Each structure stands twice: as structure tokens, then as C-alpha cells.
Amino acid sequence: MNRRDFTKYFIAAAAVFLPNHSVVGAVRHRYQLASESILPDGLRAAPDEIREAYRFAVANRDILRYISCYCGCGEQGHTNNASCYVKDSSPLDKPEFDSMSIG
């Protein structure tokens, strides 16, 4: 088999076995989100992007604690990016939400 045939068969096989991914282009990233049911009523009426940000913050709180926030919210007692969504003192299983990031 020559190089051209090998490339043609490889691309065809990739298209069959990887239907959710493009052979040429970026792979779609997936990330963990908390359940929508964890959000309080006030947040459930918020736009999709805001609800998704809060759900991401709840599910990835331990990671967001290492990311600084530069929006000037330190005066409100926020210590990191997770603080913009969930209060630092709240337990992991019952998060208390901060309304700052609603907009």
C-alpha cells in the first residue's frame, strides 16, 4: 500500500470511528456541570450562560479557588474566582450562592 492510499483509508476510518470529531479542526471540550436543580429559584430564571457559569462554579469549585479574580470584588470579601459564585464558607453539599455574577 502506498502512502496516498494509506492516508485515504486512515481518513475514511477516522470519519467512521470518530463521528463526533472532525478530522480537521478543533475537538469540542466537555466540562463538568452541577445539576440545574441545585440552583435557587432566582438563578433558574437567569439566562443560560449565567446558569451554566454558576453550575460550573459549583462543580469545579476546588479548581476555581486557585484562580484569582480581578473584577474588584475583593472589597466584598471575595478571595478567588469561586467566591464570585459561591460563598467561601458554604459547605460543598449545600452551596450558598453569591448574586454578584448574575449581572
C-alpha atoms as a PDB file:
ATOM      1  CA  MET A   1       0.000   0.000   0.000  1.00  0.00           C
ATOM      2  CA  ASN A   2       1.405   3.360  -0.917  1.00  0.00           C
ATOM      3  CA  ARG A   3       1.352   6.484   1.248  1.00  0.00           C
ATOM      4  CA  ARG A   4      -1.587   8.084  -0.599  1.00  0.00           C
ATOM      5  CA  ASP A   5      -3.806   5.010  -0.178  1.00  0.00           C
ATOM      6  CA  PHE A   6      -2.856   4.716   3.487  1.00  0.00           C
ATOM      7  CA  THR A   7      -3.804   8.363   4.108  1.00  0.00           C
ATOM      8  CA  LYS A   8      -7.098   7.947   2.258  1.00  0.00           C
ATOM      9  CA  TYR A   9      -8.034   4.833   4.265  1.00  0.00           C
ATOM     10  CA  PHE A  10      -6.919   6.417   7.531  1.00  0.00           C
ATOM     11  CA  ILE A  11      -9.150   9.460   6.971  1.00  0.00           C
ATOM     12  CA  ALA A  12     -12.084   7.243   5.990  1.00  0.00           C
ATOM     13  CA  ALA A  13     -11.612   5.078   9.102  1.00  0.00           C
ATOM     14  CA  ALA A  14     -11.342   8.141  11.330  1.00  0.00           C
ATOM     15  CA  ALA A  15     -14.596   9.506   9.896  1.00  0.00           C
ATOM     16  CA  VAL A  16     -16.346   6.224  10.698  1.00  0.00           C
ATOM     17  CA  PHE A  17     -14.934   5.609  14.157  1.00  0.00           C
ATOM     18  CA  LEU A  18     -14.879   9.226  15.351  1.00  0.00           C
ATOM     19  CA  PRO A  19     -18.253  10.604  14.190  1.00  0.00           C
ATOM     20  CA  ASN A  20     -18.395  13.339  16.851  1.00  0.00           C
ATOM     21  CA  HIS A  21     -14.994  14.758  15.996  1.00  0.00           C
ATOM     22  CA  SER A  22     -13.795  16.495  12.917  1.00  0.00           C
ATOM     23  CA  VAL A  23     -10.626  15.109  11.370  1.00  0.00           C
ATOM     24  CA  VAL A  24      -9.556  18.654  10.614  1.00  0.00           C
ATOM     25  CA  GLY A  25     -10.488  21.191  13.278  1.00  0.00           C
ATOM     26  CA  ALA A  26     -10.835  21.606  16.987  1.00  0.00           C
ATOM     27  CA  VAL A  27     -12.210  18.954  19.296  1.00  0.00           C
ATOM     28  CA  ARG A  28     -15.167  20.109  21.340  1.00  0.00           C
ATOM     29  CA  HIS A  29     -14.345  20.394  25.036  1.00  0.00           C
ATOM     30  CA  ARG A  30     -16.617  18.949  27.687  1.00  0.00           C
ATOM     31  CA  TYR A  31     -16.620  20.023  31.278  1.00  0.00           C
ATOM     32  CA  GLN A  32     -18.395  19.060  34.447  1.00  0.00           C
ATOM     33  CA  LEU A  33     -21.544  20.952  35.481  1.00  0.00           C
ATOM     34  CA  ALA A  34     -23.615  20.644  38.631  1.00  0.00           C
ATOM     35  CA  SER A  35     -27.272  19.734  38.276  1.00  0.00           C
ATOM     36  CA  GLU A  36     -29.640  22.567  37.370  1.00  0.00           C
ATOM     37  CA  SER A  37     -31.755  21.599  40.404  1.00  0.00           C
ATOM     38  CA  ILE A  38     -29.067  22.879  42.788  1.00  0.00           C
ATOM     39  CA  LEU A  39     -29.679  26.470  41.659  1.00  0.00           C
ATOM     40  CA  PRO A  40     -32.026  28.643  43.728  1.00  0.00           C
ATOM     41  CA  ASP A  41     -35.234  29.938  42.131  1.00  0.00           C
ATOM     42  CA  GLY A  42     -33.752  33.368  41.413  1.00  0.00           C
ATOM     43  CA  LEU A  43     -30.971  31.850  39.333  1.00  0.00           C
ATOM     44  CA  ARG A  44     -33.225  29.473  37.433  1.00  0.00           C
ATOM     45  CA  ALA A  45     -34.773  32.459  35.653  1.00  0.00           C
ATOM     46  CA  ALA A  46     -31.339  33.805  34.604  1.00  0.00           C
ATOM     47  CA  PRO A  47     -30.040  33.456  31.020  1.00  0.00           C
ATOM     48  CA  ASP A  48     -28.453  30.149  30.003  1.00  0.00           C
ATOM     49  CA  GLU A  49     -24.884  31.488  30.139  1.00  0.00           C
ATOM     50  CA  ILE A  50     -25.272  32.688  33.721  1.00  0.00           C
ATOM     51  CA  ARG A  51     -26.886  29.462  34.918  1.00  0.00           C
ATOM     52  CA  GLU A  52     -24.119  27.482  33.239  1.00  0.00           C
ATOM     53  CA  ALA A  53     -21.434  29.631  34.899  1.00  0.00           C
ATOM     54  CA  TYR A  54     -22.937  29.015  38.351  1.00  0.00           C
ATOM     55  CA  ARG A  55     -23.308  25.293  37.649  1.00  0.00           C
ATOM     56  CA  PHE A  56     -19.669  25.188  36.510  1.00  0.00           C
ATOM     57  CA  ALA A  57     -18.553  27.037  39.637  1.00  0.00           C
ATOM     58  CA  VAL A  58     -20.349  24.577  41.911  1.00  0.00           C
ATOM     59  CA  ALA A  59     -18.957  21.506  40.138  1.00  0.00           C
ATOM     60  CA  ASN A  60     -15.428  22.919  39.820  1.00  0.00           C
ATOM     61  CA  ARG A  61     -15.165  24.954  42.995  1.00  0.00           C
ATOM     62  CA  ASP A  62     -11.891  23.356  44.043  1.00  0.00           C
ATOM     63  CA  ILE A  63     -10.258  24.446  40.762  1.00  0.00           C
ATOM     64  CA  LEU A  64     -11.703  27.972  40.731  1.00  0.00           C
ATOM     65  CA  ARG A  65     -10.255  28.597  44.207  1.00  0.00           C
ATOM     66  CA  TYR A  66      -6.809  28.748  42.578  1.00  0.00           C
ATOM     67  CA  ILE A  67      -7.844  31.376  40.030  1.00  0.00           C
ATOM     68  CA  SER A  68      -7.669  34.992  41.116  1.00  0.00           C
ATOM     69  CA  CYS A  69     -10.487  37.377  40.336  1.00  0.00           C
ATOM     70  CA  TYR A  70      -9.627  40.815  39.019  1.00  0.00           C
ATOM     71  CA  CYS A  71     -13.036  42.486  38.907  1.00  0.00           C
ATOM     72  CA  GLY A  72     -12.540  44.404  42.139  1.00  0.00           C
ATOM     73  CA  CYS A  73     -14.802  42.219  44.251  1.00  0.00           C
ATOM     74  CA  GLY A  74     -12.175  41.775  46.984  1.00  0.00           C
ATOM     75  CA  GLU A  75     -13.876  44.599  48.854  1.00  0.00           C
ATOM     76  CA  GLN A  76     -16.906  42.324  49.139  1.00  0.00           C
ATOM     77  CA  GLY A  77     -14.811  39.621  50.789  1.00  0.00           C
ATOM     78  CA  HIS A  78     -14.158  37.517  47.717  1.00  0.00           C
ATOM     79  CA  THR A  79     -10.843  35.693  47.833  1.00  0.00           C
ATOM     80  CA  ASN A  80     -10.823  33.953  44.424  1.00  0.00           C
ATOM     81  CA  ASN A  81     -12.915  33.271  41.317  1.00  0.00           C
ATOM     82  CA  ALA A  82     -15.091  30.697  43.084  1.00  0.00           C
ATOM     83  CA  SER A  83     -16.108  33.388  45.593  1.00  0.00           C
ATOM     84  CA  CYS A  84     -17.836  35.314  42.805  1.00  0.00           C
ATOM     85  CA  TYR A  85     -20.372  32.493  42.527  1.00  0.00           C
ATOM     86  CA  VAL A  86     -20.387  30.545  45.796  1.00  0.00           C
ATOM     87  CA  LYS A  87     -19.702  31.849  49.295  1.00  0.00           C
ATOM     88  CA  ASP A  88     -16.396  30.553  50.682  1.00  0.00           C
ATOM     89  CA  SER A  89     -17.913  29.495  53.990  1.00  0.00           C
ATOM     90  CA  SER A  90     -20.719  27.399  52.481  1.00  0.00           C
ATOM     91  CA  PRO A  91     -20.462  23.603  52.592  1.00  0.00           C
ATOM     92  CA  LEU A  92     -19.787  21.713  49.367  1.00  0.00           C
ATOM     93  CA  ASP A  93     -23.079  19.796  49.513  1.00  0.00           C
ATOM     94  CA  LYS A  94     -25.213  22.911  50.203  1.00  0.00           C
ATOM     95  CA  PRO A  95     -23.619  25.853  48.430  1.00  0.00           C
ATOM     96  CA  GLU A  96     -24.729  29.385  49.259  1.00  0.00           C
ATOM     97  CA  PHE A  97     -24.750  31.433  46.095  1.00  0.00           C
ATOM     98  CA  ASP A  98     -23.422  34.959  45.690  1.00  0.00           C
ATOM     99  CA  SER A  99     -25.538  37.122  43.397  1.00  0.00           C
ATOM    100  CA  MET A 100     -22.588  39.194  42.166  1.00  0.00           C
ATOM    101  CA  SER A 101     -22.123  37.253  38.936  1.00  0.00           C
ATOM    102  CA  ILE A 102     -25.764  37.429  37.877  1.00  0.00           C
ATOM    103  CA  GLY A 103     -25.045  40.712  36.136  1.00  0.00           C
END
